[in-house]
């Protein structure tokens, strides 16, 4: 079965050229939040809620807490779309690029085409190819092992 916390799902936009697995965001937030990556891999998907004040993960919603996937993944992606395409804001774009430690050529960031700006940031932050390749490598059986499943001709 497909399940993001098992690592066999890639969230992607082929149109915009980005993709990610839960593991990427778990790795990114593990040190920042003080949780083990394995805990975040499990809790970034599903009905888990994070309270920043107490630095605690809850299984049931408390107050106005958002699901962790929304809070730590979707809102970050939405911020990039907002700053680059929906309501262009050069100052916010600079903050995003520096916070994510990206190297984006100025000619791409200053392009009059919002799709070029968006693609230049997202494909450097969340490149689709490594996400898909790592999923395939980690989840598909080796050729030697899969040979036993092969259909006779």
N, C-alpha and C. Protein backbone atom coordinates (compact mmCIF):
# COMPACT_ATOMS: atom_id res chain seq x y z
N UNK A 1 0.84 -1.19 0.00
CA UNK A 1 0.00 0.00 0.00
C UNK A 1 0.88 1.25 0.00
N UNK A 2 0.32 2.29 -0.55
CA UNK A 2 1.06 3.55 -0.59
C UNK A 2 0.83 4.32 0.70
N UNK A 3 1.91 4.85 1.24
CA UNK A 3 1.82 5.60 2.48
C UNK A 3 3.04 6.53 2.58
N UNK A 4 2.83 7.83 2.70
CA UNK A 4 3.96 8.76 2.73
C UNK A 4 4.98 8.45 3.82
N UNK A 5 4.52 8.02 4.99
CA UNK A 5 5.48 7.75 6.07
C UNK A 5 6.32 6.50 5.81
N UNK A 6 5.89 5.66 4.86
CA UNK A 6 6.69 4.49 4.47
C UNK A 6 7.70 4.84 3.40
N UNK A 7 7.62 6.04 2.86
CA UNK A 7 8.59 6.49 1.89
C UNK A 7 8.28 6.12 0.45
N UNK A 8 7.08 5.60 0.20
CA UNK A 8 6.77 5.18 -1.17
C UNK A 8 5.82 6.14 -1.88
N UNK A 9 5.78 7.39 -1.43
CA UNK A 9 4.96 8.42 -2.06
C UNK A 9 5.81 9.67 -2.29
N UNK A 10 5.71 10.21 -3.49
CA UNK A 10 6.35 11.49 -3.81
C UNK A 10 5.24 12.49 -4.10
N UNK A 11 5.26 13.60 -3.39
CA UNK A 11 4.33 14.70 -3.67
C UNK A 11 5.04 15.56 -4.71
N UNK A 12 4.36 15.86 -5.81
CA UNK A 12 5.07 16.55 -6.88
C UNK A 12 4.15 17.40 -7.73
N UNK A 13 4.79 18.31 -8.44
CA UNK A 13 4.15 19.06 -9.50
C UNK A 13 5.08 18.97 -10.70
N UNK A 14 4.75 18.09 -11.62
CA UNK A 14 5.57 17.96 -12.83
C UNK A 14 5.49 19.24 -13.64
N UNK A 15 4.37 19.92 -13.57
CA UNK A 15 4.18 21.17 -14.31
C UNK A 15 5.19 22.23 -13.85
N UNK A 16 5.38 22.33 -12.54
CA UNK A 16 6.31 23.32 -12.00
C UNK A 16 7.69 22.74 -11.70
N UNK A 17 7.86 21.43 -11.86
CA UNK A 17 9.18 20.81 -11.75
C UNK A 17 9.70 20.56 -10.36
N UNK A 18 8.84 20.40 -9.39
CA UNK A 18 9.31 20.10 -8.04
C UNK A 18 8.64 18.84 -7.50
N UNK A 19 9.28 18.25 -6.51
CA UNK A 19 8.74 17.07 -5.87
C UNK A 19 9.49 16.81 -4.57
N UNK A 20 8.83 16.14 -3.65
CA UNK A 20 9.48 15.84 -2.37
C UNK A 20 8.86 14.60 -1.74
N UNK A 21 9.59 14.05 -0.82
CA UNK A 21 9.10 12.96 0.03
C UNK A 21 9.06 13.49 1.45
N UNK A 22 8.29 12.87 2.28
CA UNK A 22 8.19 13.29 3.69
C UNK A 22 9.57 13.32 4.35
N UNK A 23 10.45 12.39 3.95
CA UNK A 23 11.78 12.31 4.54
C UNK A 23 12.56 13.61 4.40
N UNK A 24 12.36 14.31 3.28
CA UNK A 24 13.08 15.56 3.06
C UNK A 24 12.70 16.61 4.10
N UNK A 25 11.42 16.73 4.38
CA UNK A 25 10.98 17.72 5.37
C UNK A 25 11.30 17.24 6.79
N UNK A 26 11.26 15.94 7.02
CA UNK A 26 11.64 15.40 8.33
C UNK A 26 13.09 15.73 8.61
N UNK A 27 13.94 15.56 7.62
CA UNK A 27 15.36 15.87 7.77
C UNK A 27 15.56 17.37 8.02
N UNK A 28 14.83 18.19 7.27
CA UNK A 28 14.96 19.63 7.37
C UNK A 28 14.54 20.14 8.76
N UNK A 29 13.49 19.56 9.33
CA UNK A 29 12.96 20.07 10.60
C UNK A 29 13.45 19.33 11.84
N UNK A 30 14.12 18.20 11.69
CA UNK A 30 14.54 17.41 12.85
C UNK A 30 15.39 18.22 13.82
N UNK A 31 16.42 18.83 13.32
CA UNK A 31 17.32 19.59 14.19
C UNK A 31 16.64 20.85 14.72
N UNK A 32 15.89 21.51 13.85
CA UNK A 32 15.23 22.76 14.23
C UNK A 32 14.21 22.55 15.35
N UNK A 33 13.45 21.45 15.28
CA UNK A 33 12.41 21.20 16.28
C UNK A 33 12.88 20.34 17.45
N UNK A 34 14.03 19.69 17.28
CA UNK A 34 14.56 18.86 18.35
C UNK A 34 13.92 17.47 18.42
N UNK A 35 13.46 16.97 17.29
CA UNK A 35 12.87 15.63 17.23
C UNK A 35 13.74 14.74 16.34
N UNK A 36 13.67 13.45 16.57
CA UNK A 36 14.36 12.50 15.71
C UNK A 36 13.66 12.48 14.35
N UNK A 37 14.44 12.26 13.30
CA UNK A 37 13.87 12.21 11.96
C UNK A 37 12.79 11.13 11.85
N UNK A 38 13.02 10.01 12.49
CA UNK A 38 12.05 8.90 12.38
C UNK A 38 10.71 9.31 12.98
N UNK A 39 10.72 10.10 14.04
CA UNK A 39 9.46 10.59 14.64
C UNK A 39 8.76 11.53 13.66
N UNK A 40 9.52 12.43 13.06
CA UNK A 40 8.91 13.38 12.12
C UNK A 40 8.42 12.68 10.86
N UNK A 41 9.13 11.64 10.40
CA UNK A 41 8.65 10.89 9.22
C UNK A 41 7.26 10.33 9.49
N UNK A 42 7.05 9.90 10.71
CA UNK A 42 5.75 9.31 11.06
C UNK A 42 4.68 10.38 11.28
N UNK A 43 5.05 11.50 11.87
CA UNK A 43 4.05 12.49 12.28
C UNK A 43 3.79 13.61 11.27
N UNK A 44 4.65 13.76 10.28
CA UNK A 44 4.39 14.81 9.29
C UNK A 44 3.21 14.46 8.40
N UNK A 45 2.79 13.22 8.40
CA UNK A 45 1.63 12.81 7.62
C UNK A 45 0.59 12.24 8.56
N UNK A 46 -0.65 12.61 8.36
CA UNK A 46 -1.73 12.08 9.19
C UNK A 46 -2.27 13.12 10.15
N UNK A 47 -2.97 12.65 11.14
CA UNK A 47 -3.61 13.55 12.11
C UNK A 47 -2.70 13.81 13.29
N UNK A 48 -1.66 14.58 13.06
CA UNK A 48 -0.73 14.97 14.12
C UNK A 48 -0.64 16.48 14.12
N UNK A 49 -0.54 17.04 15.31
CA UNK A 49 -0.55 18.49 15.49
C UNK A 49 0.63 18.89 16.36
N UNK A 50 1.27 20.00 16.02
CA UNK A 50 2.44 20.45 16.75
C UNK A 50 2.14 21.77 17.44
N UNK A 51 2.43 21.81 18.75
CA UNK A 51 2.27 23.03 19.52
C UNK A 51 3.66 23.63 19.71
N UNK A 52 3.91 24.77 19.10
CA UNK A 52 5.23 25.40 19.14
C UNK A 52 5.60 25.86 20.55
N UNK A 53 4.62 26.28 21.33
CA UNK A 53 4.91 26.78 22.68
C UNK A 53 5.46 25.67 23.58
N UNK A 54 4.81 24.52 23.56
CA UNK A 54 5.25 23.41 24.42
C UNK A 54 6.19 22.45 23.69
N UNK A 55 6.40 22.68 22.38
CA UNK A 55 7.22 21.79 21.54
C UNK A 55 6.78 20.33 21.70
N UNK A 56 5.45 20.15 21.58
CA UNK A 56 4.85 18.83 21.75
C UNK A 56 4.01 18.48 20.54
N UNK A 57 4.03 17.19 20.19
CA UNK A 57 3.21 16.68 19.09
C UNK A 57 1.99 16.00 19.71
N UNK A 58 0.82 16.36 19.21
CA UNK A 58 -0.42 15.78 19.71
C UNK A 58 -1.09 14.96 18.62
N UNK A 59 -1.80 13.93 19.04
CA UNK A 59 -2.55 13.08 18.10
C UNK A 59 -3.91 13.69 17.79
N UNK A 60 -4.47 14.44 18.72
CA UNK A 60 -5.78 15.07 18.53
C UNK A 60 -5.61 16.58 18.51
N UNK A 61 -6.43 17.27 17.72
CA UNK A 61 -6.29 18.73 17.63
C UNK A 61 -6.58 19.41 18.96
N UNK A 62 -5.81 20.46 19.23
CA UNK A 62 -6.01 21.26 20.44
C UNK A 62 -6.05 22.72 20.01
N UNK A 63 -7.13 23.36 20.32
CA UNK A 63 -7.26 24.77 19.93
C UNK A 63 -7.26 24.93 18.43
N UNK A 64 -6.43 25.86 17.97
CA UNK A 64 -6.39 26.16 16.53
C UNK A 64 -5.14 25.58 15.87
N UNK A 65 -4.62 24.51 16.41
CA UNK A 65 -3.44 23.88 15.81
C UNK A 65 -3.79 23.28 14.46
N UNK A 66 -2.84 23.39 13.53
CA UNK A 66 -3.01 22.82 12.19
C UNK A 66 -2.30 21.48 12.14
N UNK A 67 -2.71 20.64 11.22
CA UNK A 67 -2.00 19.38 11.01
C UNK A 67 -0.56 19.71 10.64
N UNK A 68 0.34 18.84 11.07
CA UNK A 68 1.76 19.10 10.84
C UNK A 68 2.10 19.19 9.35
N UNK A 69 1.45 18.39 8.52
CA UNK A 69 1.72 18.44 7.08
C UNK A 69 1.39 19.81 6.53
N UNK A 70 0.30 20.37 6.98
CA UNK A 70 -0.11 21.71 6.53
C UNK A 70 0.87 22.75 7.07
N UNK A 71 1.16 22.67 8.37
CA UNK A 71 2.00 23.65 9.04
C UNK A 71 3.44 23.67 8.52
N UNK A 72 4.02 22.50 8.33
CA UNK A 72 5.44 22.44 7.99
C UNK A 72 5.75 22.21 6.52
N UNK A 73 4.79 21.73 5.76
CA UNK A 73 5.05 21.43 4.35
C UNK A 73 4.24 22.35 3.43
N UNK A 74 2.93 22.21 3.47
CA UNK A 74 2.09 22.97 2.53
C UNK A 74 2.24 24.47 2.68
N UNK A 75 2.26 24.97 3.89
CA UNK A 75 2.36 26.42 4.06
C UNK A 75 3.68 26.97 3.54
N UNK A 76 4.75 26.16 3.63
CA UNK A 76 6.04 26.61 3.10
C UNK A 76 5.98 26.71 1.57
N UNK A 77 5.37 25.72 0.96
CA UNK A 77 5.23 25.73 -0.51
C UNK A 77 4.29 26.86 -0.94
N UNK A 78 3.20 27.03 -0.20
CA UNK A 78 2.26 28.12 -0.52
C UNK A 78 2.95 29.48 -0.40
N UNK A 79 3.83 29.65 0.59
CA UNK A 79 4.56 30.91 0.74
C UNK A 79 5.41 31.21 -0.48
N UNK A 80 6.05 30.17 -1.02
CA UNK A 80 6.87 30.35 -2.22
C UNK A 80 5.99 30.76 -3.39
N UNK A 81 4.89 30.06 -3.58
CA UNK A 81 3.97 30.41 -4.68
C UNK A 81 3.45 31.83 -4.50
N UNK A 82 3.11 32.18 -3.30
CA UNK A 82 2.58 33.52 -3.04
C UNK A 82 3.61 34.60 -3.34
N UNK A 83 4.82 34.42 -2.84
CA UNK A 83 5.86 35.45 -3.00
C UNK A 83 6.34 35.57 -4.44
N UNK A 84 6.25 34.49 -5.20
CA UNK A 84 6.79 34.51 -6.56
C UNK A 84 5.74 34.68 -7.65
N UNK A 85 4.51 34.29 -7.39
CA UNK A 85 3.54 34.29 -8.48
C UNK A 85 2.24 35.00 -8.13
N UNK A 86 1.66 34.70 -7.00
CA UNK A 86 0.33 35.24 -6.69
C UNK A 86 0.37 36.71 -6.30
N UNK A 87 1.28 37.06 -5.40
CA UNK A 87 1.45 38.45 -4.97
C UNK A 87 2.95 38.72 -4.90
N UNK A 88 3.59 38.93 -6.05
CA UNK A 88 5.06 39.05 -6.08
C UNK A 88 5.61 40.06 -5.07
N UNK A 89 6.60 39.58 -4.31
CA UNK A 89 7.22 40.39 -3.27
C UNK A 89 8.71 40.06 -3.25
N UNK A 90 9.52 40.95 -3.84
CA UNK A 90 10.96 40.71 -3.98
C UNK A 90 11.64 40.54 -2.62
N UNK A 91 11.22 41.30 -1.63
CA UNK A 91 11.81 41.19 -0.29
C UNK A 91 11.56 39.82 0.32
N UNK A 92 10.35 39.34 0.17
CA UNK A 92 10.00 38.02 0.70
C UNK A 92 10.74 36.92 -0.06
N UNK A 93 10.88 37.10 -1.36
CA UNK A 93 11.61 36.12 -2.18
C UNK A 93 13.06 36.03 -1.71
N UNK A 94 13.69 37.17 -1.47
CA UNK A 94 15.07 37.17 -0.99
C UNK A 94 15.20 36.44 0.35
N UNK A 95 14.24 36.65 1.24
CA UNK A 95 14.25 35.96 2.54
C UNK A 95 14.10 34.45 2.36
N UNK A 96 13.21 34.04 1.48
CA UNK A 96 12.98 32.61 1.22
C UNK A 96 14.24 31.98 0.65
N UNK A 97 14.82 32.62 -0.35
CA UNK A 97 16.02 32.08 -1.01
C UNK A 97 17.17 31.96 -0.01
N UNK A 98 17.37 32.96 0.82
CA UNK A 98 18.47 32.89 1.79
C UNK A 98 18.16 31.90 2.91
N UNK A 99 16.92 31.82 3.37
CA UNK A 99 16.57 30.87 4.43
C UNK A 99 16.73 29.43 3.97
N UNK A 100 16.48 29.18 2.70
CA UNK A 100 16.61 27.82 2.17
C UNK A 100 18.02 27.53 1.63
N UNK A 101 18.91 28.53 1.72
CA UNK A 101 20.30 28.39 1.27
C UNK A 101 20.38 27.99 -0.20
N UNK A 102 19.59 28.68 -1.02
CA UNK A 102 19.55 28.39 -2.45
C UNK A 102 20.44 29.36 -3.21
N UNK A 103 20.97 28.90 -4.32
CA UNK A 103 21.73 29.76 -5.22
C UNK A 103 20.92 29.87 -6.50
N UNK A 104 20.30 31.01 -6.66
CA UNK A 104 19.46 31.25 -7.84
C UNK A 104 20.05 32.43 -8.60
N UNK A 105 20.36 32.25 -9.89
CA UNK A 105 20.92 33.37 -10.67
C UNK A 105 19.98 34.57 -10.67
N UNK A 106 20.53 35.77 -10.53
CA UNK A 106 19.70 36.98 -10.52
C UNK A 106 18.85 37.13 -11.78
N UNK A 107 19.35 36.70 -12.93
CA UNK A 107 18.57 36.86 -14.17
C UNK A 107 17.28 36.05 -14.09
N UNK A 108 17.30 34.91 -13.36
CA UNK A 108 16.09 34.11 -13.21
C UNK A 108 15.14 34.74 -12.19
N UNK A 109 15.71 35.24 -11.08
CA UNK A 109 14.86 35.88 -10.06
C UNK A 109 14.25 37.18 -10.55
N UNK A 110 14.92 37.85 -11.47
CA UNK A 110 14.43 39.13 -11.98
C UNK A 110 13.68 38.99 -13.30
N UNK A 111 13.41 37.79 -13.71
CA UNK A 111 12.71 37.56 -14.97
C UNK A 111 11.31 38.17 -14.92
N UNK A 112 10.85 38.73 -16.03
CA UNK A 112 9.49 39.27 -16.06
C UNK A 112 8.43 38.17 -16.05
N UNK A 113 8.85 36.95 -16.37
CA UNK A 113 7.92 35.82 -16.40
C UNK A 113 7.84 35.18 -15.01
N UNK A 114 6.69 35.25 -14.35
CA UNK A 114 6.57 34.68 -13.00
C UNK A 114 6.80 33.17 -12.96
N UNK A 115 6.53 32.47 -14.05
CA UNK A 115 6.76 31.01 -14.09
C UNK A 115 8.25 30.69 -14.03
N UNK A 116 9.07 31.53 -14.66
CA UNK A 116 10.52 31.33 -14.63
C UNK A 116 11.02 31.53 -13.21
N UNK A 117 10.55 32.58 -12.54
CA UNK A 117 10.96 32.85 -11.15
C UNK A 117 10.55 31.69 -10.24
N UNK A 118 9.31 31.26 -10.38
CA UNK A 118 8.79 30.17 -9.55
C UNK A 118 9.58 28.89 -9.77
N UNK A 119 9.75 28.54 -11.02
CA UNK A 119 10.47 27.31 -11.36
C UNK A 119 11.91 27.36 -10.88
N UNK A 120 12.55 28.51 -11.00
CA UNK A 120 13.96 28.61 -10.59
C UNK A 120 14.14 28.36 -9.09
N UNK A 121 13.21 28.79 -8.28
CA UNK A 121 13.31 28.57 -6.84
C UNK A 121 12.88 27.15 -6.46
N UNK A 122 11.72 26.74 -6.95
CA UNK A 122 11.20 25.42 -6.55
C UNK A 122 12.05 24.26 -7.04
N UNK A 123 12.59 24.36 -8.26
CA UNK A 123 13.40 23.24 -8.75
C UNK A 123 14.75 23.14 -8.04
N UNK A 124 15.20 24.22 -7.46
CA UNK A 124 16.44 24.16 -6.67
C UNK A 124 16.16 23.71 -5.24
N UNK A 125 15.02 24.07 -4.72
CA UNK A 125 14.66 23.69 -3.34
C UNK A 125 14.18 22.24 -3.28
N UNK A 126 13.26 21.89 -4.17
CA UNK A 126 12.64 20.55 -4.14
C UNK A 126 12.73 19.92 -5.53
N UNK A 127 13.93 19.57 -5.97
CA UNK A 127 14.04 18.97 -7.31
C UNK A 127 13.32 17.63 -7.38
N UNK A 128 12.58 17.42 -8.44
CA UNK A 128 11.74 16.23 -8.56
C UNK A 128 12.55 14.94 -8.79
N UNK A 129 13.61 15.03 -9.59
CA UNK A 129 14.37 13.82 -9.95
C UNK A 129 14.95 13.08 -8.74
N UNK A 130 15.64 13.75 -7.82
CA UNK A 130 16.17 13.02 -6.66
C UNK A 130 15.07 12.42 -5.77
N UNK A 131 13.94 13.10 -5.69
CA UNK A 131 12.83 12.59 -4.88
C UNK A 131 12.31 11.28 -5.46
N UNK A 132 12.09 11.26 -6.76
CA UNK A 132 11.58 10.06 -7.42
C UNK A 132 12.63 8.95 -7.39
N UNK A 133 13.87 9.29 -7.70
CA UNK A 133 14.93 8.28 -7.73
C UNK A 133 15.15 7.65 -6.35
N UNK A 134 15.20 8.46 -5.31
CA UNK A 134 15.40 7.91 -3.96
C UNK A 134 14.24 7.01 -3.55
N UNK A 135 13.02 7.38 -3.95
CA UNK A 135 11.87 6.53 -3.64
C UNK A 135 11.99 5.19 -4.35
N UNK A 136 12.36 5.21 -5.62
CA UNK A 136 12.49 3.98 -6.39
C UNK A 136 13.58 3.10 -5.79
N UNK A 137 14.72 3.69 -5.50
CA UNK A 137 15.85 2.92 -4.95
C UNK A 137 15.50 2.30 -3.60
N UNK A 138 14.82 3.04 -2.75
CA UNK A 138 14.53 2.56 -1.40
C UNK A 138 13.32 1.63 -1.32
N UNK A 139 12.40 1.70 -2.26
CA UNK A 139 11.17 0.92 -2.11
C UNK A 139 11.03 -0.26 -3.06
N UNK A 140 11.66 -0.21 -4.22
CA UNK A 140 11.54 -1.34 -5.15
C UNK A 140 12.55 -2.43 -4.79
N UNK A 141 12.18 -3.67 -4.98
CA UNK A 141 13.13 -4.76 -4.68
C UNK A 141 14.27 -4.76 -5.70
N UNK A 142 15.38 -5.35 -5.31
CA UNK A 142 16.51 -5.44 -6.23
C UNK A 142 16.13 -6.34 -7.40
N UNK A 143 16.84 -6.19 -8.50
CA UNK A 143 16.56 -7.01 -9.68
C UNK A 143 16.70 -8.49 -9.35
N UNK A 144 17.68 -8.84 -8.54
CA UNK A 144 17.90 -10.24 -8.16
C UNK A 144 16.70 -10.79 -7.39
N UNK A 145 16.21 -10.02 -6.45
CA UNK A 145 15.06 -10.43 -5.64
C UNK A 145 13.78 -10.44 -6.47
N UNK A 146 13.60 -9.44 -7.32
CA UNK A 146 12.38 -9.33 -8.12
C UNK A 146 12.31 -10.41 -9.20
N UNK A 147 13.45 -11.00 -9.55
CA UNK A 147 13.48 -12.03 -10.58
C UNK A 147 12.57 -13.20 -10.21
N UNK A 148 12.44 -13.49 -8.93
CA UNK A 148 11.59 -14.61 -8.51
C UNK A 148 10.11 -14.32 -8.73
N UNK A 149 9.74 -13.06 -8.90
CA UNK A 149 8.36 -12.67 -9.13
C UNK A 149 8.01 -12.66 -10.61
N UNK A 150 9.01 -12.81 -11.43
CA UNK A 150 8.83 -12.68 -12.89
C UNK A 150 7.86 -13.71 -13.43
N UNK A 151 7.07 -13.30 -14.37
CA UNK A 151 6.09 -14.18 -15.00
C UNK A 151 6.79 -15.02 -16.06
N UNK A 152 6.46 -16.31 -16.10
CA UNK A 152 7.04 -17.17 -17.13
C UNK A 152 6.49 -16.79 -18.49
N UNK A 153 7.32 -16.96 -19.50
CA UNK A 153 6.88 -16.64 -20.87
C UNK A 153 6.44 -17.88 -21.58
